Amino acid sequence: MAVLITLKKVRESKGISQNELARRTGYSLQNVQKIEQGRVASLTLEALDRFCKVLECFPGDLLEYTPDEQ
């Protein structure tokens, strides 16, 4: 089972830059970049909350389930 973080897709659809998202959430630009590049294993609920507040979305908008191939 894989759950993908679709932060980049949502951020771009809202017209917000990585720098702006980092500034408004309090996360570093490097952190935002790592999340968008799939280089993190998980997100905390606090992180989801911050991103959702800035992007005006729901947690499910930032997550995408991809079932394992059998």
C-alpha atoms as a PDB file:
ATOM      1  CA  MET A   1       0.000   0.000   0.000  1.00  0.00           C
ATOM      2  CA  ALA A   2       1.272   3.425  -0.884  1.00  0.00           C
ATOM      3  CA  VAL A   3      -0.137   6.751   0.138  1.00  0.00           C
ATOM      4  CA  LEU A   4       1.225   9.580  -1.964  1.00  0.00           C
ATOM      5  CA  ILE A   5       1.410  13.154  -0.764  1.00  0.00           C
ATOM      6  CA  THR A   6      -0.042  15.397  -3.469  1.00  0.00           C
ATOM      7  CA  LEU A   7       1.058  18.690  -1.938  1.00  0.00           C
ATOM      8  CA  LYS A   8       2.650  19.992  -5.152  1.00  0.00           C
ATOM      9  CA  LYS A   9      -0.480  19.399  -7.235  1.00  0.00           C
ATOM     10  CA  VAL A  10      -2.728  21.153  -4.714  1.00  0.00           C
ATOM     11  CA  ARG A  11      -0.272  24.006  -4.143  1.00  0.00           C
ATOM     12  CA  GLU A  12       0.089  24.673  -7.864  1.00  0.00           C
ATOM     13  CA  SER A  13      -3.687  24.555  -8.384  1.00  0.00           C
ATOM     14  CA  LYS A  14      -4.009  27.322  -5.787  1.00  0.00           C
ATOM     15  CA  GLY A  15      -1.298  29.424  -7.447  1.00  0.00           C
ATOM     16  CA  ILE A  16       0.985  29.450  -4.408  1.00  0.00           C
ATOM     17  CA  SER A  17       4.767  29.179  -4.711  1.00  0.00           C
ATOM     18  CA  GLN A  18       6.891  26.884  -2.586  1.00  0.00           C
ATOM     19  CA  ASN A  19       8.416  29.953  -0.927  1.00  0.00           C
ATOM     20  CA  GLU A  20       5.004  31.375  -0.071  1.00  0.00           C
ATOM     21  CA  LEU A  21       3.776  28.037   1.295  1.00  0.00           C
ATOM     22  CA  ALA A  22       6.899  27.696   3.429  1.00  0.00           C
ATOM     23  CA  ARG A  23       6.537  31.228   4.764  1.00  0.00           C
ATOM     24  CA  ARG A  24       2.829  30.877   5.554  1.00  0.00           C
ATOM     25  CA  THR A  25       3.138  27.456   7.235  1.00  0.00           C
ATOM     26  CA  GLY A  26       6.353  28.124   9.139  1.00  0.00           C
ATOM     27  CA  TYR A  27       8.162  25.230   7.468  1.00  0.00           C
ATOM     28  CA  SER A  28      11.472  25.698   5.684  1.00  0.00           C
ATOM     29  CA  LEU A  29      11.593  25.799   1.902  1.00  0.00           C
ATOM     30  CA  GLN A  30      13.767  22.680   2.041  1.00  0.00           C
ATOM     31  CA  ASN A  31      11.078  20.845   4.031  1.00  0.00           C
ATOM     32  CA  VAL A  32       8.373  21.775   1.520  1.00  0.00           C
ATOM     33  CA  GLN A  33      10.627  20.647  -1.337  1.00  0.00           C
ATOM     34  CA  LYS A  34      11.349  17.301   0.346  1.00  0.00           C
ATOM     35  CA  ILE A  35       7.645  16.662   0.890  1.00  0.00           C
ATOM     36  CA  GLU A  36       6.802  17.511  -2.711  1.00  0.00           C
ATOM     37  CA  GLN A  37       9.605  15.302  -4.031  1.00  0.00           C
ATOM     38  CA  GLY A  38       8.390  12.327  -1.998  1.00  0.00           C
ATOM     39  CA  ARG A  39      11.490  12.227   0.164  1.00  0.00           C
ATOM     40  CA  VAL A  40       9.583  12.019   3.443  1.00  0.00           C
ATOM     41  CA  ALA A  41       8.057   8.861   4.882  1.00  0.00           C
ATOM     42  CA  SER A  42       5.144  10.539   6.624  1.00  0.00           C
ATOM     43  CA  LEU A  43       3.422  13.778   7.559  1.00  0.00           C
ATOM     44  CA  THR A  44       2.249  14.685  11.023  1.00  0.00           C
ATOM     45  CA  LEU A  45      -1.339  15.701  11.626  1.00  0.00           C
ATOM     46  CA  GLU A  46      -0.018  19.129  12.576  1.00  0.00           C
ATOM     47  CA  ALA A  47       1.672  19.452   9.171  1.00  0.00           C
ATOM     48  CA  LEU A  48      -1.512  18.389   7.377  1.00  0.00           C
ATOM     49  CA  ASP A  49      -3.444  20.960   9.403  1.00  0.00           C
ATOM     50  CA  ARG A  50      -1.030  23.784   8.530  1.00  0.00           C
ATOM     51  CA  PHE A  51      -1.003  22.930   4.828  1.00  0.00           C
ATOM     52  CA  CYS A  52      -4.798  22.614   4.711  1.00  0.00           C
ATOM     53  CA  LYS A  53      -5.307  25.982   6.393  1.00  0.00           C
ATOM     54  CA  VAL A  54      -3.040  27.769   3.924  1.00  0.00           C
ATOM     55  CA  LEU A  55      -4.258  25.865   0.855  1.00  0.00           C
ATOM     56  CA  GLU A  56      -7.903  25.917   1.973  1.00  0.00           C
ATOM     57  CA  CYS A  57      -8.349  22.195   1.412  1.00  0.00           C
ATOM     58  CA  PHE A  58      -9.081  18.992   3.316  1.00  0.00           C
ATOM     59  CA  PRO A  59      -6.449  16.427   4.431  1.00  0.00           C
ATOM     60  CA  GLY A  60      -7.819  13.955   1.890  1.00  0.00           C
ATOM     61  CA  ASP A  61      -6.990  16.444  -0.867  1.00  0.00           C
ATOM     62  CA  LEU A  62      -3.299  16.105   0.017  1.00  0.00           C
ATOM     63  CA  LEU A  63      -3.242  12.295   0.118  1.00  0.00           C
ATOM     64  CA  GLU A  64      -3.709   9.761  -2.664  1.00  0.00           C
ATOM     65  CA  TYR A  65      -4.037   6.029  -2.091  1.00  0.00           C
ATOM     66  CA  THR A  66      -2.354   3.719  -4.591  1.00  0.00           C
ATOM     67  CA  PRO A  67      -2.987   0.023  -3.975  1.00  0.00           C
ATOM     68  CA  ASP A  68      -0.131  -2.435  -4.285  1.00  0.00           C
ATOM     69  CA  GLU A  69       0.043  -4.408  -7.484  1.00  0.00           C
ATOM     70  CA  GLN A  70      -0.774  -8.068  -6.994  1.00  0.00           C
END
